[in-house]
N, C-alpha and C. Protein backbone atom coordinates (compact mmCIF):
# COMPACT_ATOMS: atom_id res chain seq x y z
N MET A 1 0.84 -1.16 0.00
CA MET A 1 0.00 0.00 0.00
C MET A 1 0.89 1.23 0.00
N ALA A 2 0.64 2.14 -0.93
CA ALA A 2 1.38 3.39 -1.02
C ALA A 2 0.40 4.51 -1.29
N PRO A 3 -0.06 5.21 -0.23
CA PRO A 3 -1.05 6.26 -0.43
C PRO A 3 -0.56 7.36 -1.36
N ALA A 4 -1.46 7.84 -2.20
CA ALA A 4 -1.16 9.00 -3.04
C ALA A 4 -1.24 10.27 -2.20
N LEU A 5 -2.09 10.24 -1.15
CA LEU A 5 -2.24 11.39 -0.26
C LEU A 5 -2.51 10.89 1.15
N ARG A 6 -1.76 11.43 2.11
CA ARG A 6 -2.01 11.16 3.53
C ARG A 6 -2.33 12.50 4.19
N VAL A 7 -3.47 12.55 4.87
CA VAL A 7 -3.90 13.78 5.53
C VAL A 7 -3.94 13.50 7.03
N ALA A 8 -3.05 14.17 7.78
CA ALA A 8 -2.96 13.94 9.22
C ALA A 8 -3.23 15.20 10.02
N GLY A 9 -3.29 16.34 9.38
CA GLY A 9 -3.54 17.58 10.10
C GLY A 9 -5.02 17.81 10.32
N SER A 10 -5.32 18.60 11.33
CA SER A 10 -6.72 18.90 11.59
C SER A 10 -7.14 20.11 10.78
N LYS A 11 -8.42 20.16 10.47
CA LYS A 11 -9.03 21.28 9.76
C LYS A 11 -8.40 21.49 8.39
N ALA A 12 -8.35 20.44 7.60
CA ALA A 12 -7.83 20.51 6.23
C ALA A 12 -8.99 20.52 5.25
N THR A 13 -8.91 21.41 4.26
CA THR A 13 -9.95 21.53 3.24
C THR A 13 -9.34 21.29 1.87
N PHE A 14 -10.03 20.51 1.05
CA PHE A 14 -9.59 20.22 -0.31
C PHE A 14 -10.72 20.59 -1.26
N TYR A 15 -10.41 21.38 -2.29
CA TYR A 15 -11.42 21.82 -3.25
C TYR A 15 -10.93 21.54 -4.67
N LYS A 16 -11.72 20.80 -5.41
CA LYS A 16 -11.42 20.44 -6.80
C LYS A 16 -10.04 19.80 -6.94
N CYS A 17 -9.71 18.91 -6.04
CA CYS A 17 -8.45 18.17 -6.10
C CYS A 17 -8.71 16.77 -6.64
N THR A 18 -7.68 16.18 -7.24
CA THR A 18 -7.76 14.80 -7.70
C THR A 18 -6.72 13.98 -6.96
N VAL A 19 -7.17 12.88 -6.37
CA VAL A 19 -6.28 11.92 -5.73
C VAL A 19 -6.35 10.67 -6.59
N ASP A 20 -5.24 10.32 -7.22
CA ASP A 20 -5.22 9.19 -8.15
C ASP A 20 -4.19 8.19 -7.67
N GLY A 21 -4.67 7.05 -7.22
CA GLY A 21 -3.77 6.03 -6.70
C GLY A 21 -4.33 4.65 -6.91
N GLY A 22 -3.77 3.72 -6.20
CA GLY A 22 -4.21 2.33 -6.28
C GLY A 22 -4.73 1.89 -4.93
N HIS A 23 -4.09 0.88 -4.38
CA HIS A 23 -4.44 0.37 -3.05
C HIS A 23 -4.13 1.46 -2.03
N GLY A 24 -5.13 1.87 -1.26
CA GLY A 24 -4.90 2.88 -0.23
C GLY A 24 -4.62 4.26 -0.78
N ALA A 25 -5.31 4.69 -1.81
CA ALA A 25 -5.03 5.97 -2.47
C ALA A 25 -5.11 7.15 -1.51
N LEU A 26 -6.17 7.23 -0.71
CA LEU A 26 -6.34 8.34 0.22
C LEU A 26 -6.30 7.81 1.65
N TYR A 27 -5.23 8.15 2.35
CA TYR A 27 -5.10 7.79 3.76
C TYR A 27 -5.61 8.99 4.55
N ASP A 28 -6.85 8.97 4.90
CA ASP A 28 -7.50 10.03 5.66
C ASP A 28 -7.21 9.75 7.13
N HIS A 29 -5.97 10.00 7.51
CA HIS A 29 -5.38 9.50 8.74
C HIS A 29 -6.09 9.97 10.01
N LYS A 30 -6.06 11.29 10.27
CA LYS A 30 -6.67 11.81 11.49
C LYS A 30 -6.96 13.29 11.33
N GLY A 31 -7.86 13.77 12.15
CA GLY A 31 -8.23 15.18 12.11
C GLY A 31 -9.61 15.39 11.50
N LEU A 32 -9.96 16.66 11.32
CA LEU A 32 -11.22 17.06 10.70
C LEU A 32 -10.92 17.51 9.28
N HIS A 33 -11.62 16.92 8.30
CA HIS A 33 -11.30 17.20 6.90
C HIS A 33 -12.57 17.44 6.10
N TYR A 34 -12.46 18.33 5.10
CA TYR A 34 -13.58 18.64 4.21
C TYR A 34 -13.09 18.53 2.78
N TYR A 35 -13.76 17.68 1.99
CA TYR A 35 -13.43 17.48 0.58
C TYR A 35 -14.62 17.96 -0.24
N LYS A 36 -14.41 18.95 -1.10
CA LYS A 36 -15.49 19.52 -1.91
C LYS A 36 -15.12 19.40 -3.38
N SER A 37 -15.99 18.76 -4.16
CA SER A 37 -15.83 18.63 -5.62
C SER A 37 -14.49 18.00 -5.99
N CYS A 38 -14.07 17.01 -5.24
CA CYS A 38 -12.82 16.31 -5.51
C CYS A 38 -13.10 15.00 -6.24
N THR A 39 -12.07 14.46 -6.89
CA THR A 39 -12.14 13.15 -7.52
C THR A 39 -11.13 12.25 -6.83
N ILE A 40 -11.58 11.08 -6.40
CA ILE A 40 -10.70 10.14 -5.71
C ILE A 40 -10.77 8.82 -6.47
N ASN A 41 -9.64 8.42 -7.04
CA ASN A 41 -9.53 7.18 -7.83
C ASN A 41 -8.64 6.19 -7.09
N GLY A 42 -9.06 4.94 -7.05
CA GLY A 42 -8.24 3.91 -6.43
C GLY A 42 -8.73 2.53 -6.79
N THR A 43 -7.99 1.52 -6.35
CA THR A 43 -8.36 0.15 -6.70
C THR A 43 -9.13 -0.53 -5.57
N PHE A 44 -8.54 -0.68 -4.41
CA PHE A 44 -9.26 -1.29 -3.29
C PHE A 44 -8.75 -0.69 -1.99
N ASP A 45 -9.60 -0.71 -0.98
CA ASP A 45 -9.29 -0.05 0.30
C ASP A 45 -8.74 1.35 0.06
N PHE A 46 -9.34 2.08 -0.85
CA PHE A 46 -8.67 3.30 -1.29
C PHE A 46 -9.09 4.57 -0.57
N ILE A 47 -10.04 4.53 0.30
CA ILE A 47 -10.28 5.63 1.24
C ILE A 47 -10.32 4.97 2.61
N PHE A 48 -9.36 5.32 3.44
CA PHE A 48 -9.28 4.67 4.74
C PHE A 48 -8.63 5.61 5.74
N GLY A 49 -8.78 5.31 7.01
CA GLY A 49 -8.16 6.09 8.06
C GLY A 49 -9.11 6.32 9.21
N ASN A 50 -8.66 7.11 10.16
CA ASN A 50 -9.42 7.36 11.39
C ASN A 50 -9.89 8.80 11.51
N ALA A 51 -9.85 9.54 10.41
CA ALA A 51 -10.28 10.94 10.43
C ALA A 51 -11.79 11.04 10.51
N ARG A 52 -12.25 12.24 10.75
CA ARG A 52 -13.68 12.57 10.67
C ARG A 52 -13.79 13.50 9.47
N SER A 53 -14.34 12.99 8.36
CA SER A 53 -14.29 13.71 7.09
C SER A 53 -15.66 13.80 6.43
N PHE A 54 -15.89 14.95 5.79
CA PHE A 54 -17.12 15.20 5.05
C PHE A 54 -16.75 15.37 3.58
N TYR A 55 -17.30 14.49 2.74
CA TYR A 55 -17.06 14.50 1.30
C TYR A 55 -18.32 15.02 0.63
N GLU A 56 -18.22 16.16 -0.06
CA GLU A 56 -19.40 16.76 -0.69
C GLU A 56 -19.15 16.97 -2.18
N ASP A 57 -20.09 16.52 -2.99
CA ASP A 57 -20.02 16.67 -4.45
C ASP A 57 -18.75 16.05 -5.03
N CYS A 58 -18.29 14.97 -4.46
CA CYS A 58 -17.06 14.33 -4.92
C CYS A 58 -17.37 13.17 -5.87
N ASN A 59 -16.41 12.85 -6.73
CA ASN A 59 -16.48 11.68 -7.60
C ASN A 59 -15.55 10.63 -7.03
N ILE A 60 -16.11 9.47 -6.71
CA ILE A 60 -15.34 8.37 -6.15
C ILE A 60 -15.33 7.28 -7.21
N VAL A 61 -14.14 6.90 -7.69
CA VAL A 61 -14.04 5.96 -8.81
C VAL A 61 -13.17 4.78 -8.41
N SER A 62 -13.75 3.59 -8.48
CA SER A 62 -13.00 2.37 -8.24
C SER A 62 -12.42 1.89 -9.56
N LYS A 63 -11.10 1.98 -9.67
CA LYS A 63 -10.42 1.51 -10.88
C LYS A 63 -10.32 -0.01 -10.85
N SER A 64 -10.17 -0.60 -12.00
CA SER A 64 -10.08 -2.05 -12.10
C SER A 64 -8.80 -2.55 -11.45
N ALA A 65 -8.96 -3.60 -10.68
CA ALA A 65 -7.81 -4.28 -10.09
C ALA A 65 -7.98 -5.75 -10.43
N THR A 66 -6.96 -6.37 -10.97
CA THR A 66 -7.12 -7.73 -11.48
C THR A 66 -7.44 -8.76 -10.41
N ASP A 67 -6.90 -8.61 -9.23
CA ASP A 67 -7.09 -9.64 -8.21
C ASP A 67 -7.94 -9.22 -7.02
N TYR A 68 -8.45 -7.99 -7.05
CA TYR A 68 -9.14 -7.48 -5.88
C TYR A 68 -10.45 -6.82 -6.26
N LEU A 69 -11.36 -6.82 -5.33
CA LEU A 69 -12.58 -6.04 -5.44
C LEU A 69 -12.37 -4.76 -4.66
N GLY A 70 -13.03 -3.69 -5.08
CA GLY A 70 -12.89 -2.42 -4.39
C GLY A 70 -13.56 -2.44 -3.03
N ASP A 71 -13.06 -1.61 -2.14
CA ASP A 71 -13.61 -1.45 -0.81
C ASP A 71 -13.51 0.01 -0.45
N LEU A 72 -14.57 0.63 0.00
CA LEU A 72 -14.47 1.98 0.50
C LEU A 72 -15.61 2.24 1.43
N PRO A 73 -15.45 3.02 2.46
CA PRO A 73 -14.19 3.28 3.11
C PRO A 73 -13.85 2.15 4.07
N VAL A 74 -12.67 2.17 4.60
CA VAL A 74 -12.25 1.08 5.47
C VAL A 74 -11.69 1.61 6.79
N ALA A 75 -12.35 2.57 7.37
CA ALA A 75 -11.92 3.12 8.65
C ALA A 75 -12.16 2.08 9.73
N LYS A 76 -11.09 1.53 10.28
CA LYS A 76 -11.25 0.48 11.29
C LYS A 76 -10.61 0.93 12.60
N PRO A 77 -11.42 1.13 13.64
CA PRO A 77 -10.86 1.50 14.93
C PRO A 77 -10.35 0.27 15.67
N PRO A 78 -9.59 0.48 16.74
CA PRO A 78 -9.17 -0.66 17.54
C PRO A 78 -10.38 -1.34 18.18
N LEU A 79 -10.25 -2.61 18.50
CA LEU A 79 -11.35 -3.36 19.09
C LEU A 79 -11.79 -2.82 20.44
N THR A 80 -10.92 -2.08 21.11
CA THR A 80 -11.23 -1.59 22.44
C THR A 80 -11.94 -0.24 22.42
N LEU A 81 -12.28 0.26 21.27
CA LEU A 81 -12.90 1.57 21.17
C LEU A 81 -14.23 1.62 21.92
N SER A 82 -14.42 2.66 22.71
CA SER A 82 -15.70 2.84 23.40
C SER A 82 -16.56 3.82 22.59
N PRO A 83 -17.90 3.77 22.75
CA PRO A 83 -18.76 4.68 22.00
C PRO A 83 -18.39 6.15 22.20
N ALA A 84 -17.97 6.52 23.41
CA ALA A 84 -17.63 7.91 23.68
C ALA A 84 -16.39 8.35 22.91
N ALA A 85 -15.52 7.41 22.55
CA ALA A 85 -14.28 7.75 21.86
C ALA A 85 -14.43 7.77 20.35
N ALA A 86 -15.60 7.47 19.85
CA ALA A 86 -15.80 7.38 18.40
C ALA A 86 -15.83 8.77 17.78
N ASP A 87 -14.65 9.30 17.47
CA ASP A 87 -14.59 10.64 16.89
C ASP A 87 -14.22 10.63 15.42
N GLY A 88 -14.08 9.47 14.82
CA GLY A 88 -13.82 9.38 13.39
C GLY A 88 -15.11 9.13 12.64
N GLY A 89 -15.00 9.08 11.34
CA GLY A 89 -16.15 8.74 10.51
C GLY A 89 -16.09 9.44 9.17
N PHE A 90 -16.84 8.93 8.22
CA PHE A 90 -16.89 9.50 6.88
C PHE A 90 -18.35 9.75 6.51
N SER A 91 -18.62 10.93 5.96
CA SER A 91 -19.95 11.24 5.44
C SER A 91 -19.79 11.67 3.98
N PHE A 92 -20.49 10.97 3.09
CA PHE A 92 -20.47 11.26 1.65
C PHE A 92 -21.83 11.83 1.27
N LYS A 93 -21.87 13.10 0.86
CA LYS A 93 -23.15 13.73 0.48
C LYS A 93 -23.07 14.24 -0.96
N THR A 94 -24.10 13.97 -1.71
CA THR A 94 -24.21 14.38 -3.12
C THR A 94 -22.96 14.01 -3.92
N CYS A 95 -22.46 12.84 -3.68
CA CYS A 95 -21.30 12.34 -4.41
C CYS A 95 -21.76 11.42 -5.54
N THR A 96 -20.83 11.06 -6.40
CA THR A 96 -21.08 10.06 -7.44
C THR A 96 -20.05 8.96 -7.24
N ILE A 97 -20.53 7.73 -7.11
CA ILE A 97 -19.64 6.59 -6.89
C ILE A 97 -19.79 5.64 -8.06
N THR A 98 -18.69 5.43 -8.78
CA THR A 98 -18.70 4.52 -9.93
C THR A 98 -17.49 3.61 -9.85
N GLY A 99 -17.47 2.63 -10.74
CA GLY A 99 -16.33 1.72 -10.73
C GLY A 99 -16.18 0.98 -12.02
N GLN A 100 -14.96 0.53 -12.27
CA GLN A 100 -14.66 -0.30 -13.43
C GLN A 100 -14.79 -1.77 -13.06
N SER A 101 -14.89 -2.05 -11.78
CA SER A 101 -15.10 -3.41 -11.30
C SER A 101 -16.00 -3.31 -10.08
N PHE A 102 -16.36 -4.43 -9.51
CA PHE A 102 -17.22 -4.40 -8.33
C PHE A 102 -16.55 -3.65 -7.20
N ILE A 103 -17.37 -3.02 -6.38
CA ILE A 103 -16.87 -2.31 -5.21
C ILE A 103 -17.82 -2.55 -4.06
N PHE A 104 -17.27 -2.75 -2.88
CA PHE A 104 -18.09 -2.89 -1.68
C PHE A 104 -18.14 -1.54 -0.98
N LEU A 105 -19.32 -1.15 -0.56
CA LEU A 105 -19.46 0.06 0.24
C LEU A 105 -19.63 -0.40 1.68
N GLY A 106 -18.73 0.00 2.53
CA GLY A 106 -18.85 -0.42 3.92
C GLY A 106 -17.53 -0.83 4.49
N ARG A 107 -17.54 -1.91 5.28
CA ARG A 107 -16.35 -2.39 5.97
C ARG A 107 -15.75 -1.29 6.83
N ALA A 108 -16.60 -0.65 7.59
CA ALA A 108 -16.15 0.51 8.35
C ALA A 108 -16.26 0.27 9.85
N GLY A 109 -15.43 0.99 10.59
CA GLY A 109 -15.49 0.91 12.04
C GLY A 109 -16.06 2.16 12.67
N TRP A 110 -15.94 3.28 12.00
CA TRP A 110 -16.52 4.53 12.46
C TRP A 110 -17.85 4.71 11.74
N PRO A 111 -18.62 5.74 12.11
CA PRO A 111 -19.84 6.00 11.35
C PRO A 111 -19.52 6.29 9.88
N VAL A 112 -20.30 5.71 8.99
CA VAL A 112 -20.16 5.96 7.56
C VAL A 112 -21.56 6.22 7.02
N VAL A 113 -21.72 7.36 6.34
CA VAL A 113 -23.03 7.76 5.83
C VAL A 113 -22.90 8.12 4.36
N TYR A 114 -23.78 7.56 3.55
CA TYR A 114 -23.93 7.94 2.15
C TYR A 114 -25.30 8.58 2.03
N SER A 115 -25.36 9.86 1.61
CA SER A 115 -26.65 10.54 1.50
C SER A 115 -26.73 11.30 0.18
N TYR A 116 -27.90 11.24 -0.45
CA TYR A 116 -28.17 11.94 -1.71
C TYR A 116 -27.08 11.65 -2.74
N THR A 117 -26.56 10.46 -2.73
CA THR A 117 -25.42 10.08 -3.56
C THR A 117 -25.85 9.15 -4.68
N ASN A 118 -25.24 9.35 -5.85
CA ASN A 118 -25.49 8.48 -7.00
C ASN A 118 -24.56 7.28 -6.89
N ILE A 119 -25.13 6.16 -6.52
CA ILE A 119 -24.35 4.93 -6.39
C ILE A 119 -24.58 4.12 -7.65
N GLY A 120 -23.55 4.02 -8.49
CA GLY A 120 -23.67 3.45 -9.82
C GLY A 120 -24.12 2.00 -9.84
N TYR A 121 -24.67 1.62 -10.97
CA TYR A 121 -25.18 0.26 -11.15
C TYR A 121 -24.07 -0.79 -11.15
N ASP A 122 -22.84 -0.38 -11.31
CA ASP A 122 -21.75 -1.34 -11.37
C ASP A 122 -21.17 -1.67 -9.99
N LEU A 123 -21.84 -1.23 -8.95
CA LEU A 123 -21.33 -1.45 -7.61
C LEU A 123 -22.03 -2.62 -6.94
N PHE A 124 -21.31 -3.29 -6.09
CA PHE A 124 -21.85 -4.42 -5.35
C PHE A 124 -22.73 -3.90 -4.22
N PRO A 125 -23.76 -4.63 -3.81
CA PRO A 125 -24.62 -4.16 -2.72
C PRO A 125 -23.83 -3.87 -1.45
N LEU A 126 -24.39 -3.02 -0.63
CA LEU A 126 -23.75 -2.62 0.61
C LEU A 126 -23.57 -3.81 1.54
N ILE A 127 -22.39 -3.93 2.10
CA ILE A 127 -22.18 -4.92 3.15
C ILE A 127 -21.37 -4.26 4.25
N VAL A 128 -21.29 -4.91 5.37
CA VAL A 128 -20.60 -4.38 6.53
C VAL A 128 -19.52 -5.37 6.93
N SER A 129 -18.37 -4.86 7.36
CA SER A 129 -17.28 -5.73 7.76
C SER A 129 -17.74 -6.73 8.80
N GLY A 130 -17.26 -7.94 8.65
CA GLY A 130 -17.60 -8.96 9.61
C GLY A 130 -18.90 -9.66 9.29
N SER A 131 -19.65 -9.13 8.34
CA SER A 131 -20.91 -9.78 7.99
C SER A 131 -20.64 -10.85 6.94
N ASP A 132 -21.55 -11.77 6.85
CA ASP A 132 -21.40 -12.79 5.82
C ASP A 132 -22.29 -12.44 4.63
N ASP A 133 -22.25 -13.26 3.60
CA ASP A 133 -23.01 -12.97 2.39
C ASP A 133 -24.51 -12.89 2.62
N SER A 134 -25.01 -13.51 3.68
CA SER A 134 -26.44 -13.46 3.94
C SER A 134 -26.90 -12.06 4.32
N GLN A 135 -25.96 -11.19 4.70
CA GLN A 135 -26.31 -9.83 5.07
C GLN A 135 -26.05 -8.84 3.94
N ALA A 136 -25.66 -9.30 2.77
CA ALA A 136 -25.41 -8.39 1.66
C ALA A 136 -26.68 -7.60 1.39
N GLY A 137 -26.53 -6.33 1.12
CA GLY A 137 -27.67 -5.48 0.87
C GLY A 137 -28.12 -4.71 2.10
N ALA A 138 -27.42 -4.87 3.23
CA ALA A 138 -27.80 -4.16 4.44
C ALA A 138 -27.66 -2.67 4.22
N LYS A 139 -28.64 -1.92 4.65
CA LYS A 139 -28.61 -0.47 4.49
C LYS A 139 -28.30 0.23 5.82
N PHE A 140 -28.58 -0.41 6.92
CA PHE A 140 -28.49 0.24 8.21
C PHE A 140 -28.12 -0.83 9.22
N GLN A 141 -27.01 -0.68 9.88
CA GLN A 141 -26.57 -1.76 10.75
C GLN A 141 -25.79 -1.21 11.92
N PHE A 142 -26.03 -1.77 13.08
CA PHE A 142 -25.21 -1.53 14.26
C PHE A 142 -24.52 -2.84 14.61
N ASN A 143 -23.31 -2.78 15.06
CA ASN A 143 -22.62 -3.98 15.50
C ASN A 143 -21.86 -3.61 16.76
N ARG A 144 -22.43 -3.86 17.90
CA ARG A 144 -21.82 -3.47 19.17
C ARG A 144 -20.81 -4.50 19.65
N GLU A 145 -20.78 -5.68 19.05
CA GLU A 145 -19.83 -6.70 19.50
C GLU A 145 -18.42 -6.42 19.00
N PHE A 146 -18.29 -6.01 17.74
CA PHE A 146 -16.97 -5.74 17.18
C PHE A 146 -16.46 -4.40 17.69
N ALA A 147 -17.15 -3.37 17.38
CA ALA A 147 -16.86 -2.01 17.83
C ALA A 147 -18.11 -1.21 17.47
N PRO A 148 -18.39 -0.15 18.20
CA PRO A 148 -19.59 0.60 17.88
C PRO A 148 -19.44 1.27 16.52
N PHE A 149 -20.39 1.02 15.64
CA PHE A 149 -20.35 1.76 14.39
C PHE A 149 -21.74 1.93 13.84
N LEU A 150 -21.84 2.86 12.93
CA LEU A 150 -23.10 3.19 12.31
C LEU A 150 -22.89 3.26 10.81
N PHE A 151 -23.75 2.65 10.07
CA PHE A 151 -23.66 2.66 8.61
C PHE A 151 -25.02 3.06 8.08
N ILE A 152 -25.08 4.15 7.31
CA ILE A 152 -26.36 4.65 6.82
C ILE A 152 -26.29 4.92 5.33
N SER A 153 -27.32 4.50 4.63
CA SER A 153 -27.55 4.88 3.24
C SER A 153 -28.88 5.63 3.24
N TYR A 154 -28.85 6.94 2.89
CA TYR A 154 -30.04 7.76 3.01
C TYR A 154 -30.31 8.54 1.72
N LYS A 155 -31.47 8.28 1.13
CA LYS A 155 -31.96 8.99 -0.05
C LYS A 155 -30.93 9.01 -1.18
N ASN A 156 -30.28 7.89 -1.39
CA ASN A 156 -29.37 7.75 -2.52
C ASN A 156 -30.16 7.33 -3.75
N TYR A 157 -29.52 7.34 -4.88
CA TYR A 157 -30.16 6.84 -6.08
C TYR A 157 -29.15 6.00 -6.83
N GLY A 158 -29.63 5.25 -7.82
CA GLY A 158 -28.81 4.23 -8.44
C GLY A 158 -29.06 2.94 -7.70
N VAL A 159 -28.06 2.10 -7.64
CA VAL A 159 -28.21 0.81 -6.96
C VAL A 159 -27.05 0.66 -5.99
N PRO A 160 -27.22 0.37 -4.75
CA PRO A 160 -28.48 0.35 -4.02
C PRO A 160 -28.87 1.76 -3.62
N SER A 161 -30.10 1.97 -3.24
CA SER A 161 -30.53 3.30 -2.83
C SER A 161 -31.46 3.18 -1.65
N GLY A 162 -31.86 4.33 -1.15
CA GLY A 162 -32.84 4.32 -0.07
C GLY A 162 -32.24 4.03 1.28
N ALA A 163 -33.11 3.80 2.23
CA ALA A 163 -32.70 3.52 3.59
C ALA A 163 -33.80 2.72 4.26
N VAL A 164 -33.43 2.02 5.29
CA VAL A 164 -34.40 1.23 6.05
C VAL A 164 -34.43 1.78 7.46
N GLY A 165 -35.60 2.21 7.92
CA GLY A 165 -35.76 2.66 9.30
C GLY A 165 -35.03 3.93 9.64
N ILE A 166 -34.82 4.81 8.68
CA ILE A 166 -34.08 6.04 8.94
C ILE A 166 -34.94 7.23 8.56
N ASN A 167 -34.94 8.25 9.41
CA ASN A 167 -35.62 9.48 9.04
C ASN A 167 -34.61 10.62 9.06
N LYS A 168 -35.03 11.78 8.61
CA LYS A 168 -34.09 12.90 8.49
C LYS A 168 -33.49 13.31 9.84
N THR A 169 -34.24 13.16 10.90
CA THR A 169 -33.72 13.49 12.23
C THR A 169 -32.53 12.60 12.58
N ASP A 170 -32.62 11.31 12.25
CA ASP A 170 -31.53 10.38 12.53
C ASP A 170 -30.26 10.74 11.78
N VAL A 171 -30.42 11.18 10.54
CA VAL A 171 -29.27 11.39 9.67
C VAL A 171 -28.78 12.84 9.66
N ALA A 172 -29.55 13.77 10.21
CA ALA A 172 -29.21 15.20 10.17
C ALA A 172 -27.79 15.54 10.62
N PRO A 173 -27.25 14.94 11.68
CA PRO A 173 -25.89 15.30 12.10
C PRO A 173 -24.81 15.00 11.06
N PHE A 174 -25.14 14.18 10.05
CA PHE A 174 -24.16 13.76 9.05
C PHE A 174 -24.32 14.50 7.73
N LEU A 175 -25.31 15.38 7.59
CA LEU A 175 -25.67 15.94 6.29
C LEU A 175 -25.01 17.26 5.95
N GLY A 176 -24.22 17.80 6.81
CA GLY A 176 -23.58 19.08 6.52
C GLY A 176 -22.21 19.18 7.15
N THR A 177 -21.62 20.35 6.99
CA THR A 177 -20.27 20.54 7.50
C THR A 177 -20.21 20.49 9.03
N GLN A 178 -21.36 20.53 9.69
CA GLN A 178 -21.35 20.38 11.15
C GLN A 178 -20.80 19.02 11.56
N PHE A 179 -20.83 18.05 10.65
CA PHE A 179 -20.26 16.73 10.93
C PHE A 179 -18.78 16.84 11.30
N VAL A 180 -18.08 17.82 10.73
CA VAL A 180 -16.66 18.04 11.02
C VAL A 180 -16.46 19.37 11.76
N SER A 181 -17.51 19.84 12.46
CA SER A 181 -17.47 21.13 13.16
C SER A 181 -17.03 22.24 12.21
N GLY A 182 -17.43 22.13 10.96
CA GLY A 182 -16.95 23.03 9.91
C GLY A 182 -17.50 24.43 9.95
N ASP A 183 -18.57 24.66 10.69
CA ASP A 183 -19.11 26.02 10.76
C ASP A 183 -18.10 26.98 11.36
N ASN A 184 -17.14 26.47 12.11
CA ASN A 184 -16.13 27.31 12.75
C ASN A 184 -14.89 27.54 11.91
N TRP A 185 -14.61 26.69 10.92
CA TRP A 185 -13.31 26.79 10.25
C TRP A 185 -13.35 26.67 8.73
N ILE A 186 -14.43 26.18 8.13
CA ILE A 186 -14.47 26.07 6.67
C ILE A 186 -14.92 27.41 6.10
N LEU A 187 -14.07 27.99 5.28
CA LEU A 187 -14.36 29.28 4.66
C LEU A 187 -15.24 29.08 3.44
N SER A 188 -15.95 30.13 3.06
CA SER A 188 -16.73 30.06 1.83
C SER A 188 -15.80 29.90 0.64
N ILE A 189 -16.24 29.11 -0.31
CA ILE A 189 -15.44 28.90 -1.51
C ILE A 189 -15.61 30.12 -2.41
N PRO A 190 -14.49 30.73 -2.84
CA PRO A 190 -14.61 31.93 -3.67
C PRO A 190 -15.24 31.60 -5.02
N PRO A 191 -15.91 32.58 -5.64
CA PRO A 191 -16.50 32.32 -6.96
C PRO A 191 -15.41 32.06 -7.99
N ALA A 192 -15.77 31.26 -8.99
CA ALA A 192 -14.81 30.94 -10.06
C ALA A 192 -14.53 32.17 -10.91
N THR A 193 -13.28 32.32 -11.29
CA THR A 193 -12.90 33.41 -12.20
C THR A 193 -12.24 32.80 -13.41
N GLU A 194 -12.40 33.47 -14.52
CA GLU A 194 -11.78 32.95 -15.75
C GLU A 194 -10.74 33.90 -16.26
C-alpha cells in the first residue's frame, strides 16, 4: 500500500483536487477534513483512516484491479474503542460513486453515511465488515460486539438506494459541515474566475 495522499492535520480543506492512486489511495489518517468537488480514484481499500471527514459533491471511482474487489471506506478503529471515543467517521453527500469493477461500500469501524449520492449500477450491494453474504444489501446496521459503528444509506439513487428505518432526524448530524465542526473553520469557496 502506497497512499497518493495522507492527511494527518486537523481542519484541512480540499477543493477540486484529484487523488489518483491504487491500493490505499487516500489515507484520511486523522483530524477534521472537508473534501469539496474532488475526484478520488483507487483500486481497493482506497479511502481509509481514522479521520472525521465530510465528502461533498465528490467523484469516487474504483479503478479495475485484477485480483481485488474495491472497498471503501475502510476506517477500522481498535477493538477496544468505546462509543464515547468514536470521533472518526466519513460522510459522503451528493457524491457520485462509480467503478470499473465491483466495489463494496462499507467495511467501516466509524460512522459511515452515504446521502443523496449516485451509487452506480456497477457497484456491489452494501455490506458491513464482519458480515457474511447473507447480510449483503444491508442499508443500516449496528454492531456493538466488534466495535460501535453506524452505517447509513439515506436517499441515494442508483443501486443500491434508499434507507431502512431512517428518518431525516436520525441522519441530520451527518448531512452538513457540522459533521466536522466546519461552521467554525471552513471558509466560503470563492466564486470561479476565468
